[in-house]
C-alpha cells in the first residue's frame, strides 16, 4: 500500500514540475521515457528470473522452511507486485513516447509515479528477502531444520 502512496506523490510532483515549475521539451520527455522503458524491462526480466528460481527450488529444505513460516508466500507476492509495477512503468513509458504536448506530460508523470513505486517495492522486497535468508543461517538460533 505504501508503494501506491509513494507512486502517487511522485507522479503528482512530476506532473506539477513538468507543467509549471520546470517544463521540459517533448524530445526531453521522450528521452526520459525511453530510459524508464529500458530500466523497467531490464528489472522486469530480473524479477521474473528471481521468481522462476524461487519457484523451481520450492522442494528444497530452505524453501520449505521459509514456506512453513509463511514468508515464502509473502515474498512471492511482493515479487509479483514489483514485477507488475515495472510492467506498468514499461507500458506508461511506451505510451509517453508516442504522445505529444500536454497528454505527454501527464503520461510522463504517470510513468514517473510507476517507476518510483517500482523502485520502492524493489528495495523493500530486497530487504525482506535478506531478512528471510538471514533466518535460515544456523547461527541465528532458529528452530528450523
N, C-alpha and C. Protein backbone atom coordinates (compact mmCIF):
# COMPACT_ATOMS: atom_id res chain seq x y z
N UNK A 1 0.82 -1.19 0.00
CA UNK A 1 0.00 0.00 0.00
C UNK A 1 0.87 1.26 0.00
N UNK A 2 1.97 1.20 0.72
CA UNK A 2 2.85 2.37 0.80
C UNK A 2 3.42 2.71 -0.58
N UNK A 3 3.67 1.68 -1.39
CA UNK A 3 4.23 1.93 -2.71
C UNK A 3 3.27 2.75 -3.58
N UNK A 4 1.96 2.56 -3.38
CA UNK A 4 0.98 3.34 -4.14
C UNK A 4 1.02 4.82 -3.73
N UNK A 5 1.19 5.06 -2.44
CA UNK A 5 1.29 6.44 -1.96
C UNK A 5 2.55 7.09 -2.50
N UNK A 6 3.67 6.36 -2.45
CA UNK A 6 4.93 6.89 -2.98
C UNK A 6 4.79 7.20 -4.46
N UNK A 7 4.18 6.27 -5.21
CA UNK A 7 3.99 6.48 -6.64
C UNK A 7 3.07 7.65 -6.95
N UNK A 8 1.98 7.78 -6.19
CA UNK A 8 1.04 8.88 -6.41
C UNK A 8 1.69 10.23 -6.13
N UNK A 9 2.44 10.32 -5.04
CA UNK A 9 3.12 11.58 -4.71
C UNK A 9 4.16 11.92 -5.77
N UNK A 10 4.96 10.92 -6.19
CA UNK A 10 5.98 11.17 -7.22
C UNK A 10 5.34 11.57 -8.54
N UNK A 11 4.24 10.92 -8.90
CA UNK A 11 3.54 11.27 -10.13
C UNK A 11 2.98 12.68 -10.09
N UNK A 12 2.37 13.04 -8.96
CA UNK A 12 1.81 14.39 -8.83
C UNK A 12 2.90 15.45 -8.89
N UNK A 13 3.97 15.23 -8.13
CA UNK A 13 5.05 16.22 -8.12
C UNK A 13 5.72 16.35 -9.49
N UNK A 14 5.88 15.23 -10.19
CA UNK A 14 6.50 15.33 -11.52
C UNK A 14 5.54 15.98 -12.51
N UNK A 15 4.24 15.76 -12.37
CA UNK A 15 3.28 16.44 -13.25
C UNK A 15 3.32 17.94 -13.01
N UNK A 16 3.36 18.35 -11.75
CA UNK A 16 3.47 19.78 -11.42
C UNK A 16 4.78 20.35 -11.97
N UNK A 17 5.85 19.60 -11.83
CA UNK A 17 7.14 20.05 -12.32
C UNK A 17 7.17 20.15 -13.83
N UNK A 18 6.56 19.18 -14.51
CA UNK A 18 6.56 19.19 -15.97
C UNK A 18 5.66 20.29 -16.53
N UNK A 19 4.60 20.62 -15.80
CA UNK A 19 3.66 21.59 -16.34
C UNK A 19 3.94 23.03 -15.91
N UNK A 20 4.55 23.23 -14.74
CA UNK A 20 4.68 24.60 -14.24
C UNK A 20 6.11 24.97 -13.86
N UNK A 21 6.71 24.20 -12.99
CA UNK A 21 7.98 24.60 -12.39
C UNK A 21 9.16 24.52 -13.35
N UNK A 22 9.27 23.41 -14.03
CA UNK A 22 10.41 23.22 -14.93
C UNK A 22 9.95 22.48 -16.18
N UNK A 23 9.25 23.17 -17.08
CA UNK A 23 8.72 22.48 -18.26
C UNK A 23 9.85 21.94 -19.15
N UNK A 24 9.68 20.73 -19.61
CA UNK A 24 10.65 20.09 -20.50
C UNK A 24 10.07 20.02 -21.90
N UNK A 25 10.94 19.97 -22.86
CA UNK A 25 10.50 19.82 -24.24
C UNK A 25 10.05 18.40 -24.52
N UNK A 26 9.34 18.23 -25.63
CA UNK A 26 8.81 16.92 -26.00
C UNK A 26 9.93 15.90 -26.20
N UNK A 27 11.03 16.33 -26.78
CA UNK A 27 12.14 15.40 -27.02
C UNK A 27 12.82 14.97 -25.71
N UNK A 28 12.92 15.88 -24.76
CA UNK A 28 13.49 15.52 -23.45
C UNK A 28 12.61 14.50 -22.74
N UNK A 29 11.31 14.72 -22.79
CA UNK A 29 10.37 13.78 -22.15
C UNK A 29 10.45 12.42 -22.84
N UNK A 30 10.55 12.41 -24.16
CA UNK A 30 10.67 11.13 -24.88
C UNK A 30 11.95 10.40 -24.49
N UNK A 31 13.04 11.15 -24.31
CA UNK A 31 14.31 10.53 -23.89
C UNK A 31 14.21 9.93 -22.50
N UNK A 32 13.58 10.65 -21.59
CA UNK A 32 13.39 10.14 -20.22
C UNK A 32 12.49 8.92 -20.24
N UNK A 33 11.42 8.97 -21.04
CA UNK A 33 10.50 7.83 -21.13
C UNK A 33 11.22 6.61 -21.71
N UNK A 34 12.09 6.82 -22.69
CA UNK A 34 12.87 5.71 -23.24
C UNK A 34 13.79 5.10 -22.21
N UNK A 35 14.40 5.96 -21.40
CA UNK A 35 15.28 5.47 -20.33
C UNK A 35 14.46 4.66 -19.32
N UNK A 36 13.30 5.17 -18.93
CA UNK A 36 12.44 4.44 -17.99
C UNK A 36 12.02 3.10 -18.57
N UNK A 37 11.71 3.07 -19.86
CA UNK A 37 11.30 1.81 -20.50
C UNK A 37 12.44 0.79 -20.46
N UNK A 38 13.65 1.25 -20.72
CA UNK A 38 14.80 0.34 -20.68
C UNK A 38 15.04 -0.21 -19.27
N UNK A 39 14.97 0.67 -18.29
CA UNK A 39 15.16 0.24 -16.90
C UNK A 39 14.06 -0.73 -16.50
N UNK A 40 12.82 -0.39 -16.86
CA UNK A 40 11.68 -1.22 -16.47
C UNK A 40 11.76 -2.62 -17.09
N UNK A 41 12.10 -2.70 -18.36
CA UNK A 41 12.15 -4.01 -19.00
C UNK A 41 13.30 -4.84 -18.44
N UNK A 42 14.43 -4.22 -18.12
CA UNK A 42 15.55 -4.94 -17.52
C UNK A 42 15.19 -5.46 -16.14
N UNK A 43 14.61 -4.60 -15.32
CA UNK A 43 14.25 -5.01 -13.96
C UNK A 43 13.12 -6.03 -13.97
N UNK A 44 12.19 -5.90 -14.92
CA UNK A 44 11.12 -6.89 -15.04
C UNK A 44 11.72 -8.26 -15.35
N UNK A 45 12.71 -8.29 -16.23
CA UNK A 45 13.39 -9.56 -16.53
C UNK A 45 14.08 -10.14 -15.30
N UNK A 46 14.76 -9.30 -14.52
CA UNK A 46 15.41 -9.79 -13.31
C UNK A 46 14.40 -10.31 -12.29
N UNK A 47 13.29 -9.59 -12.14
CA UNK A 47 12.28 -10.01 -11.17
C UNK A 47 11.65 -11.34 -11.58
N UNK A 48 11.36 -11.49 -12.86
CA UNK A 48 10.78 -12.75 -13.33
C UNK A 48 11.78 -13.90 -13.20
N UNK A 49 13.06 -13.62 -13.43
CA UNK A 49 14.08 -14.65 -13.24
C UNK A 49 14.17 -15.06 -11.77
N UNK A 50 14.08 -14.09 -10.86
CA UNK A 50 14.11 -14.40 -9.44
C UNK A 50 12.90 -15.23 -9.04
N UNK A 51 11.74 -14.89 -9.58
CA UNK A 51 10.54 -15.67 -9.31
C UNK A 51 10.70 -17.10 -9.82
N UNK A 52 11.22 -17.25 -11.03
CA UNK A 52 11.41 -18.58 -11.61
C UNK A 52 12.37 -19.42 -10.78
N UNK A 53 13.44 -18.80 -10.31
CA UNK A 53 14.41 -19.53 -9.49
C UNK A 53 13.78 -19.96 -8.17
N UNK A 54 13.05 -19.06 -7.51
CA UNK A 54 12.42 -19.41 -6.23
C UNK A 54 11.39 -20.51 -6.39
N UNK A 55 10.60 -20.45 -7.46
CA UNK A 55 9.59 -21.48 -7.68
C UNK A 55 10.23 -22.81 -8.05
N UNK A 56 11.32 -22.77 -8.81
CA UNK A 56 11.95 -24.02 -9.25
C UNK A 56 12.66 -24.76 -8.11
N UNK A 57 13.04 -24.05 -7.06
CA UNK A 57 13.71 -24.71 -5.94
C UNK A 57 12.77 -24.86 -4.73
N UNK A 58 11.47 -24.85 -5.01
CA UNK A 58 10.48 -24.89 -3.92
C UNK A 58 10.54 -26.18 -3.12
N UNK A 59 11.14 -27.24 -3.65
CA UNK A 59 11.20 -28.50 -2.91
C UNK A 59 12.45 -28.61 -2.04
N UNK A 60 13.28 -27.62 -2.02
CA UNK A 60 14.49 -27.63 -1.19
C UNK A 60 14.15 -27.35 0.27
N UNK A 61 15.01 -27.79 1.16
CA UNK A 61 14.75 -27.64 2.59
C UNK A 61 14.63 -26.18 3.01
N UNK A 62 15.51 -25.33 2.50
CA UNK A 62 15.47 -23.92 2.90
C UNK A 62 14.15 -23.27 2.48
N UNK A 63 13.69 -23.58 1.29
CA UNK A 63 12.44 -23.00 0.80
C UNK A 63 11.26 -23.59 1.58
N UNK A 64 11.33 -24.87 1.92
CA UNK A 64 10.27 -25.47 2.74
C UNK A 64 10.19 -24.78 4.10
N UNK A 65 11.36 -24.46 4.67
CA UNK A 65 11.37 -23.74 5.95
C UNK A 65 10.77 -22.35 5.81
N UNK A 66 11.11 -21.68 4.74
CA UNK A 66 10.55 -20.35 4.51
C UNK A 66 9.03 -20.47 4.34
N UNK A 67 8.59 -21.50 3.63
CA UNK A 67 7.15 -21.69 3.43
C UNK A 67 6.43 -22.00 4.74
N UNK A 68 7.06 -22.75 5.61
CA UNK A 68 6.44 -23.08 6.91
C UNK A 68 6.18 -21.85 7.75
N UNK A 69 7.06 -20.90 7.65
CA UNK A 69 6.90 -19.67 8.45
C UNK A 69 5.95 -18.68 7.79
N UNK A 70 5.53 -18.95 6.56
CA UNK A 70 4.63 -18.05 5.85
C UNK A 70 5.33 -16.97 5.06
N UNK A 71 6.65 -16.95 5.13
CA UNK A 71 7.40 -15.90 4.45
C UNK A 71 7.51 -16.13 2.93
N UNK A 72 7.46 -17.37 2.50
CA UNK A 72 7.62 -17.67 1.07
C UNK A 72 6.48 -17.06 0.26
N UNK A 73 5.25 -17.25 0.73
CA UNK A 73 4.09 -16.70 0.02
C UNK A 73 4.16 -15.17 0.00
N UNK A 74 4.53 -14.58 1.13
CA UNK A 74 4.64 -13.12 1.20
C UNK A 74 5.74 -12.61 0.27
N UNK A 75 6.85 -13.32 0.20
CA UNK A 75 7.95 -12.94 -0.68
C UNK A 75 7.52 -13.02 -2.14
N UNK A 76 6.84 -14.11 -2.51
CA UNK A 76 6.37 -14.24 -3.89
C UNK A 76 5.37 -13.14 -4.23
N UNK A 77 4.48 -12.83 -3.31
CA UNK A 77 3.51 -11.77 -3.54
C UNK A 77 4.21 -10.43 -3.78
N UNK A 78 5.22 -10.13 -2.98
CA UNK A 78 5.98 -8.88 -3.16
C UNK A 78 6.69 -8.86 -4.51
N UNK A 79 7.25 -9.99 -4.90
CA UNK A 79 7.92 -10.05 -6.20
C UNK A 79 6.93 -9.85 -7.35
N UNK A 80 5.73 -10.44 -7.24
CA UNK A 80 4.71 -10.24 -8.26
C UNK A 80 4.29 -8.77 -8.34
N UNK A 81 4.09 -8.13 -7.20
CA UNK A 81 3.72 -6.71 -7.19
C UNK A 81 4.81 -5.86 -7.84
N UNK A 82 6.06 -6.12 -7.48
CA UNK A 82 7.16 -5.35 -8.06
C UNK A 82 7.24 -5.58 -9.57
N UNK A 83 7.06 -6.82 -10.00
CA UNK A 83 7.06 -7.12 -11.44
C UNK A 83 5.92 -6.40 -12.14
N UNK A 84 4.76 -6.40 -11.52
CA UNK A 84 3.61 -5.69 -12.10
C UNK A 84 3.86 -4.20 -12.22
N UNK A 85 4.49 -3.61 -11.21
CA UNK A 85 4.80 -2.17 -11.27
C UNK A 85 5.82 -1.87 -12.35
N UNK A 86 6.82 -2.72 -12.51
CA UNK A 86 7.78 -2.50 -13.58
C UNK A 86 7.11 -2.68 -14.95
N UNK A 87 6.18 -3.62 -15.06
CA UNK A 87 5.43 -3.78 -16.30
C UNK A 87 4.57 -2.56 -16.60
N UNK A 88 3.91 -2.01 -15.57
CA UNK A 88 3.11 -0.80 -15.75
C UNK A 88 3.99 0.39 -16.14
N UNK A 89 5.18 0.46 -15.56
CA UNK A 89 6.12 1.52 -15.93
C UNK A 89 6.50 1.40 -17.40
N UNK A 90 6.74 0.19 -17.85
CA UNK A 90 7.10 -0.04 -19.25
C UNK A 90 5.98 0.42 -20.17
N UNK A 91 4.75 0.03 -19.87
CA UNK A 91 3.61 0.42 -20.71
C UNK A 91 3.43 1.94 -20.71
N UNK A 92 3.47 2.55 -19.53
CA UNK A 92 3.30 4.00 -19.44
C UNK A 92 4.41 4.74 -20.18
N UNK A 93 5.63 4.22 -20.12
CA UNK A 93 6.75 4.87 -20.80
C UNK A 93 6.62 4.77 -22.31
N UNK A 94 6.18 3.63 -22.80
CA UNK A 94 6.00 3.47 -24.25
C UNK A 94 4.88 4.40 -24.74
N UNK A 95 3.80 4.50 -23.96
CA UNK A 95 2.73 5.43 -24.33
C UNK A 95 3.24 6.86 -24.33
N UNK A 96 4.05 7.21 -23.34
CA UNK A 96 4.61 8.57 -23.26
C UNK A 96 5.42 8.91 -24.51
N UNK A 97 6.16 7.94 -25.02
CA UNK A 97 6.99 8.21 -26.20
C UNK A 97 6.15 8.45 -27.45
N UNK A 98 4.89 8.03 -27.44
CA UNK A 98 4.04 8.18 -28.61
C UNK A 98 3.16 9.43 -28.57
N UNK A 99 3.06 10.08 -27.43
CA UNK A 99 2.17 11.23 -27.29
C UNK A 99 2.91 12.55 -27.52
N UNK A 100 2.14 13.61 -27.65
CA UNK A 100 2.68 14.95 -27.81
C UNK A 100 2.00 15.90 -26.83
N UNK A 101 2.68 16.98 -26.49
CA UNK A 101 2.17 18.11 -25.69
C UNK A 101 1.67 17.70 -24.31
N UNK A 102 0.52 18.23 -23.90
CA UNK A 102 0.01 18.03 -22.54
C UNK A 102 -0.25 16.56 -22.21
N UNK A 103 -0.87 15.77 -23.11
CA UNK A 103 -1.03 14.35 -22.76
C UNK A 103 0.31 13.65 -22.50
N UNK A 104 1.34 14.10 -23.18
CA UNK A 104 2.67 13.51 -22.96
C UNK A 104 3.17 13.83 -21.56
N UNK A 105 2.92 15.04 -21.08
CA UNK A 105 3.35 15.42 -19.74
C UNK A 105 2.60 14.61 -18.68
N UNK A 106 1.32 14.42 -18.87
CA UNK A 106 0.52 13.63 -17.92
C UNK A 106 0.99 12.17 -17.94
N UNK A 107 1.21 11.63 -19.13
CA UNK A 107 1.70 10.26 -19.25
C UNK A 107 3.09 10.11 -18.65
N UNK A 108 3.92 11.11 -18.81
CA UNK A 108 5.26 11.08 -18.20
C UNK A 108 5.17 11.09 -16.68
N UNK A 109 4.24 11.86 -16.13
CA UNK A 109 4.04 11.88 -14.69
C UNK A 109 3.55 10.52 -14.18
N UNK A 110 2.65 9.90 -14.93
CA UNK A 110 2.17 8.56 -14.56
C UNK A 110 3.32 7.57 -14.61
N UNK A 111 4.13 7.65 -15.66
CA UNK A 111 5.29 6.77 -15.81
C UNK A 111 6.26 6.96 -14.64
N UNK A 112 6.49 8.21 -14.26
CA UNK A 112 7.38 8.51 -13.13
C UNK A 112 6.80 7.94 -11.83
N UNK A 113 5.50 8.07 -11.65
CA UNK A 113 4.87 7.51 -10.45
C UNK A 113 5.03 6.00 -10.37
N UNK A 114 4.81 5.32 -11.49
CA UNK A 114 5.00 3.87 -11.51
C UNK A 114 6.46 3.49 -11.26
N UNK A 115 7.40 4.28 -11.81
CA UNK A 115 8.81 3.97 -11.61
C UNK A 115 9.20 4.12 -10.15
N UNK A 116 8.76 5.18 -9.51
CA UNK A 116 9.09 5.37 -8.08
C UNK A 116 8.45 4.29 -7.22
N UNK A 117 7.22 3.91 -7.57
CA UNK A 117 6.56 2.82 -6.86
C UNK A 117 7.32 1.51 -7.05
N UNK A 118 7.79 1.26 -8.26
CA UNK A 118 8.55 0.05 -8.56
C UNK A 118 9.86 0.01 -7.78
N UNK A 119 10.54 1.13 -7.74
CA UNK A 119 11.82 1.19 -7.02
C UNK A 119 11.59 0.98 -5.52
N UNK A 120 10.54 1.58 -4.99
CA UNK A 120 10.21 1.37 -3.58
C UNK A 120 9.96 -0.11 -3.30
N UNK A 121 9.16 -0.75 -4.17
CA UNK A 121 8.89 -2.18 -4.00
C UNK A 121 10.15 -3.02 -4.14
N UNK A 122 11.01 -2.66 -5.07
CA UNK A 122 12.26 -3.40 -5.27
C UNK A 122 13.13 -3.35 -4.02
N UNK A 123 13.28 -2.17 -3.46
CA UNK A 123 14.11 -2.02 -2.26
C UNK A 123 13.49 -2.75 -1.07
N UNK A 124 12.18 -2.59 -0.87
CA UNK A 124 11.55 -3.24 0.28
C UNK A 124 11.53 -4.76 0.12
N UNK A 125 11.36 -5.25 -1.11
CA UNK A 125 11.39 -6.70 -1.34
C UNK A 125 12.79 -7.26 -1.15
N UNK A 126 13.79 -6.55 -1.62
CA UNK A 126 15.18 -6.98 -1.41
C UNK A 126 15.53 -7.03 0.07
N UNK A 127 15.08 -6.04 0.80
CA UNK A 127 15.32 -6.01 2.25
C UNK A 127 14.61 -7.18 2.94
N UNK A 128 13.38 -7.44 2.51
CA UNK A 128 12.62 -8.55 3.08
C UNK A 128 13.28 -9.89 2.75
N UNK A 129 13.74 -10.06 1.52
CA UNK A 129 14.43 -11.28 1.12
C UNK A 129 15.68 -11.48 1.97
N UNK A 130 16.42 -10.42 2.21
CA UNK A 130 17.62 -10.50 3.05
C UNK A 130 17.26 -10.98 4.45
N UNK A 131 16.22 -10.41 5.04
CA UNK A 131 15.80 -10.80 6.38
C UNK A 131 15.39 -12.27 6.43
N UNK A 132 14.65 -12.71 5.41
CA UNK A 132 14.21 -14.10 5.37
C UNK A 132 15.40 -15.03 5.24
N UNK A 133 16.34 -14.70 4.38
CA UNK A 133 17.51 -15.55 4.20
C UNK A 133 18.38 -15.58 5.45
N UNK A 134 18.44 -14.51 6.19
CA UNK A 134 19.21 -14.48 7.44
C UNK A 134 18.58 -15.38 8.50
N UNK A 135 17.27 -15.61 8.41
CA UNK A 135 16.62 -16.53 9.35
C UNK A 135 17.10 -17.96 9.16
N UNK A 136 17.56 -18.27 7.96
CA UNK A 136 17.96 -19.64 7.65
C UNK A 136 19.38 -19.97 8.05
N UNK A 137 20.14 -18.99 8.48
CA UNK A 137 21.52 -19.26 8.89
C UNK A 137 21.52 -20.05 10.19
N UNK A 138 22.40 -21.05 10.31
CA UNK A 138 22.43 -21.89 11.51
C UNK A 138 22.71 -21.10 12.80
N UNK A 139 23.52 -20.07 12.73
CA UNK A 139 23.87 -19.35 13.94
C UNK A 139 22.78 -18.37 14.39
N UNK A 140 21.68 -18.32 13.68
CA UNK A 140 20.63 -17.38 14.06
C UNK A 140 19.82 -17.89 15.25
N UNK A 141 20.03 -19.13 15.66
CA UNK A 141 19.29 -19.68 16.80
C UNK A 141 17.90 -20.11 16.44
N UNK A 142 17.63 -20.22 15.14
CA UNK A 142 16.29 -20.58 14.67
C UNK A 142 16.03 -22.07 14.93
N UNK A 143 14.79 -22.43 15.09
CA UNK A 143 14.41 -23.83 15.30
C UNK A 143 14.09 -24.54 14.00
N UNK A 144 14.36 -23.90 12.89
CA UNK A 144 14.07 -24.51 11.61
C UNK A 144 15.08 -25.61 11.33
N UNK A 145 14.74 -26.50 10.37
CA UNK A 145 15.60 -27.65 10.04
C UNK A 145 17.02 -27.25 9.76
